[in-house]
Amino acid sequence: MAVAAVGEAARAVALVPVPESAEVCLAEAEELLAARDRITSALAARVGRVHRAGEAKNHGHASTKLWLRSVGGMTIPGAGRLVTMGMELGRLSRVRERFAEGSLA
């Protein structure tokens, strides 16, 4: 349910006109960057679970990276980074929490 709400919120934000003020745009860009980090953390955790379980192969894909390329339009290097991050975050729950909080680069 939370994932669907994030998708809806992202659609709404994408459709909002860009503010005329560059100062407002700067502040909003910083908020969106922080949100992107939190979404990346949540996405990587799920991709890590898919990868560890071999679920992409169960759905006809040769690998998790190729699944991400197919369904997410990712490049192979980008998919590889996401899989690696998912594996790391899966092993180190405190790291995942810090990344999601924005206290880890």
N, C-alpha and C. Protein backbone atom coordinates (compact mmCIF):
# COMPACT_ATOMS: atom_id res chain seq x y z
N MET A 1 0.82 -1.19 0.00
CA MET A 1 0.00 0.00 0.00
C MET A 1 0.87 1.26 0.00
N ALA A 2 1.94 1.25 0.80
CA ALA A 2 2.83 2.42 0.86
C ALA A 2 3.53 2.63 -0.48
N VAL A 3 3.91 1.54 -1.13
CA VAL A 3 4.59 1.65 -2.42
C VAL A 3 3.66 2.30 -3.46
N ALA A 4 2.41 1.90 -3.47
CA ALA A 4 1.44 2.50 -4.40
C ALA A 4 1.26 3.99 -4.11
N ALA A 5 1.26 4.36 -2.83
CA ALA A 5 1.11 5.77 -2.46
C ALA A 5 2.31 6.59 -2.95
N VAL A 6 3.51 6.00 -2.88
CA VAL A 6 4.70 6.69 -3.37
C VAL A 6 4.59 6.91 -4.87
N GLY A 7 4.13 5.89 -5.58
CA GLY A 7 3.94 6.02 -7.02
C GLY A 7 2.97 7.13 -7.38
N GLU A 8 1.86 7.19 -6.66
CA GLU A 8 0.87 8.24 -6.90
C GLU A 8 1.45 9.63 -6.59
N ALA A 9 2.16 9.73 -5.47
CA ALA A 9 2.77 11.01 -5.10
C ALA A 9 3.79 11.45 -6.15
N ALA A 10 4.57 10.51 -6.65
CA ALA A 10 5.57 10.84 -7.68
C ALA A 10 4.89 11.34 -8.95
N ARG A 11 3.80 10.70 -9.33
CA ARG A 11 3.05 11.16 -10.51
C ARG A 11 2.55 12.58 -10.31
N ALA A 12 2.01 12.85 -9.12
CA ALA A 12 1.48 14.19 -8.84
C ALA A 12 2.59 15.24 -8.88
N VAL A 13 3.73 14.95 -8.27
CA VAL A 13 4.84 15.89 -8.26
C VAL A 13 5.36 16.13 -9.68
N ALA A 14 5.43 15.10 -10.49
CA ALA A 14 5.92 15.23 -11.86
C ALA A 14 5.03 16.15 -12.70
N LEU A 15 3.75 16.22 -12.34
CA LEU A 15 2.80 17.02 -13.12
C LEU A 15 2.65 18.46 -12.62
N VAL A 16 3.17 18.75 -11.43
CA VAL A 16 3.08 20.10 -10.88
C VAL A 16 3.99 21.02 -11.69
N PRO A 17 3.48 22.20 -12.07
CA PRO A 17 4.35 23.13 -12.81
C PRO A 17 5.59 23.50 -11.99
N VAL A 18 6.70 23.69 -12.67
CA VAL A 18 7.95 24.09 -12.02
C VAL A 18 7.79 25.54 -11.55
N PRO A 19 8.12 25.81 -10.29
CA PRO A 19 8.01 27.19 -9.79
C PRO A 19 8.86 28.16 -10.59
N GLU A 20 8.43 29.39 -10.68
CA GLU A 20 9.18 30.43 -11.39
C GLU A 20 10.43 30.82 -10.61
N SER A 21 10.37 30.75 -9.31
CA SER A 21 11.48 31.16 -8.46
C SER A 21 12.59 30.11 -8.45
N ALA A 22 13.80 30.54 -8.83
CA ALA A 22 14.94 29.62 -8.79
C ALA A 22 15.25 29.21 -7.35
N GLU A 23 15.02 30.11 -6.40
CA GLU A 23 15.27 29.80 -4.98
C GLU A 23 14.32 28.70 -4.50
N VAL A 24 13.06 28.77 -4.89
CA VAL A 24 12.09 27.72 -4.55
C VAL A 24 12.49 26.43 -5.24
N CYS A 25 12.91 26.51 -6.49
CA CYS A 25 13.34 25.31 -7.22
C CYS A 25 14.52 24.64 -6.54
N LEU A 26 15.47 25.45 -6.03
CA LEU A 26 16.62 24.90 -5.34
C LEU A 26 16.18 24.13 -4.09
N ALA A 27 15.31 24.74 -3.30
CA ALA A 27 14.82 24.08 -2.08
C ALA A 27 14.04 22.81 -2.41
N GLU A 28 13.19 22.88 -3.41
CA GLU A 28 12.42 21.70 -3.80
C GLU A 28 13.32 20.61 -4.38
N ALA A 29 14.34 21.00 -5.14
CA ALA A 29 15.28 20.02 -5.68
C ALA A 29 15.99 19.29 -4.55
N GLU A 30 16.37 20.00 -3.49
CA GLU A 30 17.01 19.36 -2.35
C GLU A 30 16.08 18.37 -1.67
N GLU A 31 14.81 18.73 -1.53
CA GLU A 31 13.82 17.80 -0.95
C GLU A 31 13.64 16.57 -1.83
N LEU A 32 13.59 16.79 -3.14
CA LEU A 32 13.42 15.67 -4.07
C LEU A 32 14.65 14.76 -4.07
N LEU A 33 15.84 15.34 -3.94
CA LEU A 33 17.05 14.52 -3.86
C LEU A 33 17.03 13.63 -2.62
N ALA A 34 16.60 14.17 -1.50
CA ALA A 34 16.50 13.37 -0.27
C ALA A 34 15.46 12.27 -0.45
N ALA A 35 14.34 12.60 -1.08
CA ALA A 35 13.30 11.59 -1.33
C ALA A 35 13.82 10.52 -2.26
N ARG A 36 14.59 10.92 -3.28
CA ARG A 36 15.16 9.95 -4.21
C ARG A 36 16.06 8.96 -3.48
N ASP A 37 16.85 9.44 -2.53
CA ASP A 37 17.72 8.55 -1.77
C ASP A 37 16.91 7.54 -0.98
N ARG A 38 15.81 7.98 -0.39
CA ARG A 38 14.96 7.07 0.38
C ARG A 38 14.28 6.05 -0.53
N ILE A 39 13.83 6.49 -1.69
CA ILE A 39 13.22 5.57 -2.65
C ILE A 39 14.27 4.58 -3.16
N THR A 40 15.47 5.06 -3.44
CA THR A 40 16.54 4.17 -3.88
C THR A 40 16.84 3.11 -2.83
N SER A 41 16.84 3.50 -1.57
CA SER A 41 17.05 2.55 -0.48
C SER A 41 15.97 1.48 -0.47
N ALA A 42 14.72 1.89 -0.59
CA ALA A 42 13.60 0.95 -0.59
C ALA A 42 13.65 0.05 -1.82
N LEU A 43 13.97 0.63 -2.97
CA LEU A 43 14.07 -0.14 -4.21
C LEU A 43 15.21 -1.14 -4.14
N ALA A 44 16.36 -0.69 -3.68
CA ALA A 44 17.53 -1.58 -3.60
C ALA A 44 17.26 -2.75 -2.66
N ALA A 45 16.59 -2.49 -1.56
CA ALA A 45 16.28 -3.58 -0.62
C ALA A 45 15.40 -4.63 -1.29
N ARG A 46 14.44 -4.19 -2.07
CA ARG A 46 13.55 -5.13 -2.75
C ARG A 46 14.28 -5.86 -3.89
N VAL A 47 15.11 -5.13 -4.62
CA VAL A 47 15.88 -5.76 -5.69
C VAL A 47 16.84 -6.80 -5.10
N GLY A 48 17.43 -6.48 -3.96
CA GLY A 48 18.30 -7.44 -3.29
C GLY A 48 17.57 -8.72 -2.93
N ARG A 49 16.34 -8.58 -2.45
CA ARG A 49 15.53 -9.76 -2.11
C ARG A 49 15.22 -10.56 -3.36
N VAL A 50 14.84 -9.88 -4.44
CA VAL A 50 14.56 -10.56 -5.72
C VAL A 50 15.80 -11.32 -6.18
N HIS A 51 16.96 -10.66 -6.08
CA HIS A 51 18.21 -11.27 -6.55
C HIS A 51 18.57 -12.49 -5.71
N ARG A 52 18.51 -12.36 -4.39
CA ARG A 52 18.87 -13.49 -3.53
C ARG A 52 17.95 -14.69 -3.74
N ALA A 53 16.69 -14.42 -4.05
CA ALA A 53 15.72 -15.50 -4.25
C ALA A 53 15.75 -16.07 -5.67
N GLY A 54 16.43 -15.39 -6.59
CA GLY A 54 16.44 -15.84 -7.98
C GLY A 54 15.09 -15.66 -8.66
N GLU A 55 14.31 -14.72 -8.17
CA GLU A 55 12.95 -14.55 -8.66
C GLU A 55 12.87 -14.05 -10.10
N ALA A 56 13.83 -13.25 -10.52
CA ALA A 56 13.81 -12.77 -11.92
C ALA A 56 13.90 -13.94 -12.89
N LYS A 57 14.71 -14.93 -12.54
CA LYS A 57 14.83 -16.12 -13.39
C LYS A 57 13.53 -16.91 -13.42
N ASN A 58 12.82 -16.94 -12.29
CA ASN A 58 11.53 -17.62 -12.24
C ASN A 58 10.50 -16.95 -13.15
N HIS A 59 10.76 -15.70 -13.53
CA HIS A 59 9.86 -14.96 -14.40
C HIS A 59 10.41 -14.84 -15.81
N GLY A 60 11.36 -15.72 -16.15
CA GLY A 60 11.83 -15.81 -17.52
C GLY A 60 12.99 -14.91 -17.91
N HIS A 61 13.61 -14.25 -16.93
CA HIS A 61 14.74 -13.37 -17.23
C HIS A 61 16.03 -14.10 -16.91
N ALA A 62 17.07 -13.85 -17.69
CA ALA A 62 18.34 -14.54 -17.50
C ALA A 62 19.03 -14.14 -16.20
N SER A 63 18.77 -12.92 -15.73
CA SER A 63 19.41 -12.44 -14.50
C SER A 63 18.59 -11.29 -13.94
N THR A 64 18.93 -10.92 -12.72
CA THR A 64 18.27 -9.76 -12.09
C THR A 64 18.59 -8.49 -12.87
N LYS A 65 19.83 -8.36 -13.32
CA LYS A 65 20.23 -7.18 -14.09
C LYS A 65 19.42 -7.06 -15.37
N LEU A 66 19.24 -8.17 -16.07
CA LEU A 66 18.47 -8.12 -17.32
C LEU A 66 16.99 -7.88 -17.06
N TRP A 67 16.48 -8.34 -15.92
CA TRP A 67 15.11 -8.03 -15.52
C TRP A 67 14.96 -6.52 -15.33
N LEU A 68 15.92 -5.91 -14.61
CA LEU A 68 15.86 -4.46 -14.38
C LEU A 68 15.97 -3.70 -15.70
N ARG A 69 16.77 -4.19 -16.61
CA ARG A 69 16.89 -3.56 -17.92
C ARG A 69 15.57 -3.65 -18.67
N SER A 70 14.94 -4.83 -18.61
CA SER A 70 13.70 -5.06 -19.34
C SER A 70 12.53 -4.28 -18.76
N VAL A 71 12.31 -4.39 -17.47
CA VAL A 71 11.11 -3.77 -16.88
C VAL A 71 11.34 -2.33 -16.43
N GLY A 72 12.60 -1.98 -16.16
CA GLY A 72 12.88 -0.65 -15.65
C GLY A 72 13.61 0.25 -16.62
N GLY A 73 13.98 -0.30 -17.77
CA GLY A 73 14.70 0.50 -18.75
C GLY A 73 16.08 0.94 -18.28
N MET A 74 16.65 0.19 -17.34
CA MET A 74 17.96 0.56 -16.80
C MET A 74 19.07 0.11 -17.73
N THR A 75 20.20 0.79 -17.62
CA THR A 75 21.40 0.31 -18.31
C THR A 75 21.94 -0.87 -17.50
N ILE A 76 22.78 -1.68 -18.14
CA ILE A 76 23.39 -2.80 -17.43
C ILE A 76 24.25 -2.30 -16.26
N PRO A 77 25.09 -1.26 -16.45
CA PRO A 77 25.85 -0.77 -15.29
C PRO A 77 24.96 -0.24 -14.16
N GLY A 78 23.89 0.47 -14.53
CA GLY A 78 22.97 0.98 -13.51
C GLY A 78 22.27 -0.14 -12.76
N ALA A 79 21.86 -1.16 -13.49
CA ALA A 79 21.22 -2.32 -12.87
C ALA A 79 22.21 -3.04 -11.96
N GLY A 80 23.45 -3.13 -12.40
CA GLY A 80 24.48 -3.77 -11.59
C GLY A 80 24.70 -3.03 -10.29
N ARG A 81 24.73 -1.70 -10.35
CA ARG A 81 24.89 -0.90 -9.12
C ARG A 81 23.72 -1.11 -8.18
N LEU A 82 22.50 -1.17 -8.72
CA LEU A 82 21.33 -1.36 -7.88
C LEU A 82 21.33 -2.75 -7.23
N VAL A 83 21.71 -3.77 -7.97
CA VAL A 83 21.80 -5.12 -7.41
C VAL A 83 22.87 -5.15 -6.32
N THR A 84 24.01 -4.55 -6.58
CA THR A 84 25.08 -4.51 -5.57
C THR A 84 24.62 -3.78 -4.32
N MET A 85 23.97 -2.65 -4.50
CA MET A 85 23.47 -1.90 -3.35
C MET A 85 22.45 -2.73 -2.58
N GLY A 86 21.58 -3.42 -3.30
CA GLY A 86 20.58 -4.27 -2.65
C GLY A 86 21.21 -5.38 -1.84
N MET A 87 22.28 -5.95 -2.36
CA MET A 87 22.97 -7.01 -1.63
C MET A 87 23.65 -6.45 -0.38
N GLU A 88 24.26 -5.30 -0.51
CA GLU A 88 24.93 -4.67 0.64
C GLU A 88 23.91 -4.25 1.70
N LEU A 89 22.83 -3.62 1.27
CA LEU A 89 21.83 -3.17 2.22
C LEU A 89 21.13 -4.35 2.89
N GLY A 90 21.01 -5.46 2.17
CA GLY A 90 20.40 -6.65 2.75
C GLY A 90 21.24 -7.24 3.86
N ARG A 91 22.56 -7.13 3.74
CA ARG A 91 23.46 -7.68 4.75
C ARG A 91 23.62 -6.75 5.94
N LEU A 92 23.48 -5.46 5.70
CA LEU A 92 23.79 -4.47 6.73
C LEU A 92 22.57 -3.59 6.99
N SER A 93 21.67 -4.05 7.84
CA SER A 93 20.41 -3.32 8.04
C SER A 93 20.65 -1.91 8.59
N ARG A 94 21.67 -1.72 9.42
CA ARG A 94 21.93 -0.38 9.95
C ARG A 94 22.38 0.56 8.83
N VAL A 95 23.12 0.05 7.87
CA VAL A 95 23.53 0.86 6.72
C VAL A 95 22.30 1.28 5.94
N ARG A 96 21.36 0.35 5.75
CA ARG A 96 20.13 0.68 5.03
C ARG A 96 19.37 1.78 5.76
N GLU A 97 19.27 1.67 7.07
CA GLU A 97 18.57 2.71 7.85
C GLU A 97 19.25 4.06 7.69
N ARG A 98 20.58 4.10 7.77
CA ARG A 98 21.31 5.35 7.63
C ARG A 98 21.16 5.93 6.23
N PHE A 99 21.18 5.08 5.21
CA PHE A 99 21.01 5.55 3.84
C PHE A 99 19.61 6.14 3.68
N ALA A 100 18.61 5.46 4.21
CA ALA A 100 17.22 5.93 4.10
C ALA A 100 17.02 7.25 4.87
N GLU A 101 17.72 7.40 5.98
CA GLU A 101 17.62 8.62 6.78
C GLU A 101 18.30 9.79 6.09
N GLY A 102 19.22 9.49 5.19
CA GLY A 102 19.99 10.53 4.55
C GLY A 102 21.27 10.85 5.28
N SER A 103 21.66 10.03 6.26
CA SER A 103 22.88 10.29 7.01
C SER A 103 24.07 9.50 6.47
N LEU A 104 23.90 8.84 5.33
CA LEU A 104 24.98 8.09 4.70
C LEU A 104 25.01 8.47 3.22
N ALA A 105 26.18 8.83 2.73
CA ALA A 105 26.28 9.24 1.33
C ALA A 105 26.07 8.06 0.41
